[in-house]
Amino acid sequence: EVQLVESGGGLVQTGGSLRLSCAASGFDLHEYAIGWFRQAPGKEREGVSCISLSDGCSGSRTNYSDSVKGRFTISSDNARNTAYLQMNSLKPEDTAVYSCAAVYWGLGDWTRAGLYDYWGQGTQVTVSS
């Protein structure tokens, strides 16, 4: 059974850090691009970051939205079949449900959420001011 399970969300103060994990089962992570998305109440889903060993994140191995560039770092551990999102210098506007998603090989536009094959259930990140 294909599954993505996120963990690591929680409540943190402004300026704090969290590391989200996305554990994959039922498929090999290295054959897929993994995207992290977030959705805040009343807002559209936003692509946060992407990682792909085959440069499937819009032609790059990693990619980030402008809103998180320089603060968030995406990585993956193929031995653990897990992707991570290290989030530093968190701001209240980072508050959202964060979900990881997988798409086979990658996408020309990694932010197109509708093209991903598999999704996790999401984890809540709340940043207090």
Foldseek 3Di string as FASTA:
>chain_A
DWAWAKDWADEAAQQAKIKIKIFIPPDQLQQKKKWKWWDDPPDDIWTAKIAYPLCQALNHRMDGDPVQPPFWDWDDDRVRNMIMIIGGRDDQVVWTWMKMFIAGNHHNHNGPVVRTDDIHPTDTHGYHD
